[in-house]
PDB file of N, CA and C in Angstrom:
ATOM      1  N   MET A   1      10.221   6.049 -57.703  1.00  0.00           N
ATOM      2  CA  MET A   1      11.109   6.253 -56.575  1.00  0.00           C
ATOM      3  C   MET A   1      10.841   7.613 -55.918  1.00  0.00           C
ATOM      4  N   PHE A   2      10.650   8.621 -56.712  1.00  0.00           N
ATOM      5  CA  PHE A   2      10.398   9.954 -56.173  1.00  0.00           C
ATOM      6  C   PHE A   2       9.080   9.977 -55.388  1.00  0.00           C
ATOM      7  N   GLU A   3       8.081   9.242 -55.891  1.00  0.00           N
ATOM      8  CA  GLU A   3       6.792   9.214 -55.211  1.00  0.00           C
ATOM      9  C   GLU A   3       6.932   8.545 -53.833  1.00  0.00           C
ATOM     10  N   GLY A   4       7.710   7.476 -53.740  1.00  0.00           N
ATOM     11  CA  GLY A   4       7.938   6.815 -52.458  1.00  0.00           C
ATOM     12  C   GLY A   4       8.673   7.708 -51.472  1.00  0.00           C
ATOM     13  N   LEU A   5       9.633   8.464 -51.972  1.00  0.00           N
ATOM     14  CA  LEU A   5      10.363   9.399 -51.119  1.00  0.00           C
ATOM     15  C   LEU A   5       9.441  10.489 -50.597  1.00  0.00           C
ATOM     16  N   MET A   6       8.552  10.965 -51.438  1.00  0.00           N
ATOM     17  CA  MET A   6       7.597  11.997 -51.008  1.00  0.00           C
ATOM     18  C   MET A   6       6.640  11.437 -49.958  1.00  0.00           C
ATOM     19  N   TRP A   7       6.205  10.177 -50.119  1.00  0.00           N
ATOM     20  CA  TRP A   7       5.325   9.569 -49.126  1.00  0.00           C
ATOM     21  C   TRP A   7       6.050   9.443 -47.779  1.00  0.00           C
ATOM     22  N   CYS A   8       7.302   9.074 -47.793  1.00  0.00           N
ATOM     23  CA  CYS A   8       8.080   9.000 -46.552  1.00  0.00           C
ATOM     24  C   CYS A   8       8.157  10.373 -45.887  1.00  0.00           C
ATOM     25  N   PHE A   9       8.372  11.407 -46.696  1.00  0.00           N
ATOM     26  CA  PHE A   9       8.437  12.768 -46.173  1.00  0.00           C
ATOM     27  C   PHE A   9       7.095  13.184 -45.571  1.00  0.00           C
ATOM     28  N   VAL A  10       5.997  12.849 -46.240  1.00  0.00           N
ATOM     29  CA  VAL A  10       4.660  13.204 -45.747  1.00  0.00           C
ATOM     30  C   VAL A  10       4.382  12.493 -44.419  1.00  0.00           C
ATOM     31  N   VAL A  11       4.734  11.214 -44.328  1.00  0.00           N
ATOM     32  CA  VAL A  11       4.512  10.467 -43.089  1.00  0.00           C
ATOM     33  C   VAL A  11       5.375  11.042 -41.972  1.00  0.00           C
ATOM     34  N   LEU A  12       6.604  11.397 -42.269  1.00  0.00           N
ATOM     35  CA  LEU A  12       7.485  11.995 -41.262  1.00  0.00           C
ATOM     36  C   LEU A  12       6.906  13.303 -40.740  1.00  0.00           C
ATOM     37  N   VAL A  13       6.448  14.152 -41.632  1.00  0.00           N
ATOM     38  CA  VAL A  13       5.872  15.437 -41.212  1.00  0.00           C
ATOM     39  C   VAL A  13       4.610  15.207 -40.387  1.00  0.00           C
ATOM     40  N   ALA A  14       3.777  14.243 -40.782  1.00  0.00           N
ATOM     41  CA  ALA A  14       2.557  13.952 -40.022  1.00  0.00           C
ATOM     42  C   ALA A  14       2.904  13.474 -38.610  1.00  0.00           C
ATOM     43  N   GLN A  15       3.923  12.640 -38.464  1.00  0.00           N
ATOM     44  CA  GLN A  15       4.331  12.171 -37.146  1.00  0.00           C
ATOM     45  C   GLN A  15       4.864  13.319 -36.297  1.00  0.00           C
ATOM     46  N   LEU A  16       5.630  14.204 -36.902  1.00  0.00           N
ATOM     47  CA  LEU A  16       6.162  15.338 -36.150  1.00  0.00           C
ATOM     48  C   LEU A  16       5.049  16.283 -35.698  1.00  0.00           C
ATOM     49  N   VAL A  17       4.053  16.491 -36.553  1.00  0.00           N
ATOM     50  CA  VAL A  17       2.924  17.353 -36.181  1.00  0.00           C
ATOM     51  C   VAL A  17       2.143  16.715 -35.043  1.00  0.00           C
ATOM     52  N   LEU A  18       1.900  15.406 -35.128  1.00  0.00           N
ATOM     53  CA  LEU A  18       1.176  14.715 -34.069  1.00  0.00           C
ATOM     54  C   LEU A  18       1.966  14.760 -32.754  1.00  0.00           C
ATOM     55  N   LEU A  19       3.266  14.542 -32.807  1.00  0.00           N
ATOM     56  CA  LEU A  19       4.094  14.601 -31.613  1.00  0.00           C
ATOM     57  C   LEU A  19       4.080  15.996 -31.002  1.00  0.00           C
ATOM     58  N   HIS A  20       4.126  17.012 -31.832  1.00  0.00           N
ATOM     59  CA  HIS A  20       4.075  18.390 -31.347  1.00  0.00           C
ATOM     60  C   HIS A  20       2.739  18.667 -30.656  1.00  0.00           C
ATOM     61  N   TYR A  21       1.641  18.174 -31.239  1.00  0.00           N
ATOM     62  CA  TYR A  21       0.317  18.367 -30.661  1.00  0.00           C
ATOM     63  C   TYR A  21       0.215  17.672 -29.300  1.00  0.00           C
ATOM     64  N   VAL A  22       0.681  16.439 -29.217  1.00  0.00           N
ATOM     65  CA  VAL A  22       0.623  15.690 -27.958  1.00  0.00           C
ATOM     66  C   VAL A  22       1.513  16.365 -26.919  1.00  0.00           C
ATOM     67  N   ASP A  23       2.678  16.829 -27.320  1.00  0.00           N
ATOM     68  CA  ASP A  23       3.583  17.497 -26.401  1.00  0.00           C
ATOM     69  C   ASP A  23       2.954  18.757 -25.827  1.00  0.00           C
ATOM     70  N   ARG A  24       2.272  19.514 -26.652  1.00  0.00           N
ATOM     71  CA  ARG A  24       1.615  20.735 -26.170  1.00  0.00           C
ATOM     72  C   ARG A  24       0.487  20.407 -25.206  1.00  0.00           C
ATOM     73  N   ARG A  25      -0.267  19.328 -25.484  1.00  0.00           N
ATOM     74  CA  ARG A  25      -1.366  18.931 -24.597  1.00  0.00           C
ATOM     75  C   ARG A  25      -0.829  18.465 -23.248  1.00  0.00           C
ATOM     76  N   VAL A  26       0.241  17.687 -23.253  1.00  0.00           N
ATOM     77  CA  VAL A  26       0.810  17.201 -22.000  1.00  0.00           C
ATOM     78  C   VAL A  26       1.405  18.362 -21.209  1.00  0.00           C
ATOM     79  N   ASP A  27       2.008  19.309 -21.895  1.00  0.00           N
ATOM     80  CA  ASP A  27       2.588  20.467 -21.224  1.00  0.00           C
ATOM     81  C   ASP A  27       1.514  21.307 -20.540  1.00  0.00           C
ATOM     82  N   ALA A  28       0.301  21.317 -21.086  1.00  0.00           N
ATOM     83  CA  ALA A  28      -0.780  22.118 -20.509  1.00  0.00           C
ATOM     84  C   ALA A  28      -1.453  21.425 -19.328  1.00  0.00           C
ATOM     85  N   MET A  29      -1.172  20.146 -19.112  1.00  0.00           N
ATOM     86  CA  MET A  29      -1.799  19.418 -18.004  1.00  0.00           C
ATOM     87  C   MET A  29      -1.252  19.907 -16.672  1.00  0.00           C
ATOM     88  N   PRO A  30      -2.097  19.906 -15.640  1.00  0.00           N
ATOM     89  CA  PRO A  30      -1.591  20.303 -14.315  1.00  0.00           C
ATOM     90  C   PRO A  30      -0.628  19.255 -13.774  1.00  0.00           C
ATOM     91  N   ARG A  31       0.326  19.708 -13.029  1.00  0.00           N
ATOM     92  CA  ARG A  31       1.322  18.813 -12.459  1.00  0.00           C
ATOM     93  C   ARG A  31       0.715  18.028 -11.306  1.00  0.00           C
ATOM     94  N   LEU A  32       1.161  16.794 -11.126  1.00  0.00           N
ATOM     95  CA  LEU A  32       0.723  15.973 -10.009  1.00  0.00           C
ATOM     96  C   LEU A  32       1.496  16.370  -8.763  1.00  0.00           C
ATOM     97  N   GLN A  33       0.813  16.394  -7.643  1.00  0.00           N
ATOM     98  CA  GLN A  33       1.467  16.700  -6.372  1.00  0.00           C
ATOM     99  C   GLN A  33       2.046  15.411  -5.808  1.00  0.00           C
ATOM    100  N   GLU A  34       3.296  15.447  -5.422  1.00  0.00           N
ATOM    101  CA  GLU A  34       3.927  14.276  -4.834  1.00  0.00           C
ATOM    102  C   GLU A  34       3.518  14.178  -3.369  1.00  0.00           C
ATOM    103  N   PRO A  35       3.199  12.965  -2.908  1.00  0.00           N
ATOM    104  CA  PRO A  35       2.856  12.831  -1.485  1.00  0.00           C
ATOM    105  C   PRO A  35       4.094  13.081  -0.629  1.00  0.00           C
ATOM    106  N   PRO A  36       3.896  13.578   0.592  1.00  0.00           N
ATOM    107  CA  PRO A  36       5.064  13.811   1.456  1.00  0.00           C
ATOM    108  C   PRO A  36       5.730  12.490   1.814  1.00  0.00           C
ATOM    109  N   LEU A  37       7.027  12.545   1.955  1.00  0.00           N
ATOM    110  CA  LEU A  37       7.770  11.345   2.319  1.00  0.00           C
ATOM    111  C   LEU A  37       7.481  10.995   3.776  1.00  0.00           C
ATOM    112  N   GLU A  38       7.186   9.740   4.011  1.00  0.00           N
ATOM    113  CA  GLU A  38       6.905   9.297   5.367  1.00  0.00           C
ATOM    114  C   GLU A  38       8.167   8.686   5.962  1.00  0.00           C
ATOM    115  N   THR A  39       8.461   9.064   7.174  1.00  0.00           N
ATOM    116  CA  THR A  39       9.607   8.470   7.852  1.00  0.00           C
ATOM    117  C   THR A  39       9.111   7.268   8.648  1.00  0.00           C
ATOM    118  N   PRO A  40       9.779   6.149   8.531  1.00  0.00           N
ATOM    119  CA  PRO A  40       9.327   4.975   9.301  1.00  0.00           C
ATOM    120  C   PRO A  40       9.547   5.200  10.790  1.00  0.00           C
ATOM    121  N   GLU A  41       8.581   4.792  11.586  1.00  0.00           N
ATOM    122  CA  GLU A  41       8.689   4.982  13.029  1.00  0.00           C
ATOM    123  C   GLU A  41       9.585   3.916  13.657  1.00  0.00           C
ATOM    124  N   ALA A  42       9.551   2.722  13.101  1.00  0.00           N
ATOM    125  CA  ALA A  42      10.420   1.660  13.592  1.00  0.00           C
ATOM    126  C   ALA A  42      11.570   1.494  12.604  1.00  0.00           C
ATOM    127  N   PRO A  43      12.747   1.116  13.089  1.00  0.00           N
ATOM    128  CA  PRO A  43      13.865   0.927  12.152  1.00  0.00           C
ATOM    129  C   PRO A  43      13.566  -0.225  11.189  1.00  0.00           C
ATOM    130  N   ILE A  44      14.130  -0.137  10.020  1.00  0.00           N
ATOM    131  CA  ILE A  44      13.939  -1.178   9.025  1.00  0.00           C
ATOM    132  C   ILE A  44      14.669  -2.420   9.488  1.00  0.00           C
ATOM    133  N   PRO A  45      13.967  -3.559   9.547  1.00  0.00           N
ATOM    134  CA  PRO A  45      14.642  -4.768  10.036  1.00  0.00           C
ATOM    135  C   PRO A  45      15.708  -5.226   9.057  1.00  0.00           C
ATOM    136  N   SER A  46      16.772  -5.777   9.609  1.00  0.00           N
ATOM    137  CA  SER A  46      17.843  -6.293   8.767  1.00  0.00           C
ATOM    138  C   SER A  46      17.425  -7.661   8.238  1.00  0.00           C
ATOM    139  N   PRO A  47      18.032  -8.114   7.151  1.00  0.00           N
ATOM    140  CA  PRO A  47      17.675  -9.435   6.639  1.00  0.00           C
ATOM    141  C   PRO A  47      18.061 -10.513   7.655  1.00  0.00           C
ATOM    142  N   PRO A  48      17.408 -11.663   7.610  1.00  0.00           N
ATOM    143  CA  PRO A  48      17.688 -12.688   8.619  1.00  0.00           C
ATOM    144  C   PRO A  48      19.116 -13.212   8.583  1.00  0.00           C
ATOM    145  N   TRP A  49      19.783 -13.119   7.457  1.00  0.00           N
ATOM    146  CA  TRP A  49      21.169 -13.565   7.365  1.00  0.00           C
ATOM    147  C   TRP A  49      21.880 -12.778   6.283  1.00  0.00           C
ATOM    148  N   THR A  50      23.158 -12.694   6.430  1.00  0.00           N
ATOM    149  CA  THR A  50      23.988 -12.083   5.398  1.00  0.00           C
ATOM    150  C   THR A  50      25.067 -13.100   5.035  1.00  0.00           C
ATOM    151  N   PRO A  51      25.660 -13.011   3.855  1.00  0.00           N
ATOM    152  CA  PRO A  51      26.683 -13.991   3.475  1.00  0.00           C
ATOM    153  C   PRO A  51      27.853 -14.064   4.450  1.00  0.00           C
ATOM    154  N   THR A  52      28.211 -12.955   5.104  1.00  0.00           N
ATOM    155  CA  THR A  52      29.343 -13.006   6.027  1.00  0.00           C
ATOM    156  C   THR A  52      28.975 -13.764   7.298  1.00  0.00           C
ATOM    157  N   GLN A  53      27.710 -13.735   7.684  1.00  0.00           N
ATOM    158  CA  GLN A  53      27.300 -14.478   8.868  1.00  0.00           C
ATOM    159  C   GLN A  53      27.324 -15.978   8.626  1.00  0.00           C
ATOM    160  N   GLN A  54      27.101 -16.406   7.393  1.00  0.00           N
ATOM    161  CA  GLN A  54      27.082 -17.815   7.074  1.00  0.00           C
ATOM    162  C   GLN A  54      28.468 -18.341   6.726  1.00  0.00           C
ATOM    163  N   GLY A  55      29.483 -17.519   6.753  1.00  0.00           N
ATOM    164  CA  GLY A  55      30.825 -17.965   6.442  1.00  0.00           C
ATOM    165  C   GLY A  55      31.093 -18.064   4.954  1.00  0.00           C
ATOM    166  N   GLU A  56      30.226 -17.502   4.133  1.00  0.00           N
ATOM    167  CA  GLU A  56      30.427 -17.560   2.678  1.00  0.00           C
ATOM    168  C   GLU A  56      31.257 -16.346   2.242  1.00  0.00           C
ATOM    169  N   ARG A  57      32.015 -16.549   1.188  1.00  0.00           N
ATOM    170  CA  ARG A  57      32.784 -15.451   0.615  1.00  0.00           C
ATOM    171  C   ARG A  57      32.377 -15.287  -0.824  1.00  0.00           C
ATOM    172  N   LEU A  58      32.396 -14.057  -1.255  1.00  0.00           N
ATOM    173  CA  LEU A  58      32.113 -13.758  -2.652  1.00  0.00           C
ATOM    174  C   LEU A  58      33.447 -13.526  -3.353  1.00  0.00           C
ATOM    175  N   ASP A  59      33.878 -14.482  -4.138  1.00  0.00           N
ATOM    176  CA  ASP A  59      35.117 -14.352  -4.877  1.00  0.00           C
ATOM    177  C   ASP A  59      34.821 -13.870  -6.296  1.00  0.00           C
ATOM    178  N   ALA A  60      35.607 -12.939  -6.747  1.00  0.00           N
ATOM    179  CA  ALA A  60      35.394 -12.414  -8.085  1.00  0.00           C
ATOM    180  C   ALA A  60      36.107 -13.260  -9.113  1.00  0.00           C
TER     181      ALA A  60
END
């Protein structure tokens, strides 16, 4: 039982070390530049129908 507990501890420590290594590598990566937001030149078209136009009601 003690040997199994030690193996669990060893695996846990190995995972934490690997996670720490990956975290440090990702932190050192350059940040991606976000593209500028584009404003649409034409207004966004409305949907062809809405439930109120068809006479439908949404009852809860």
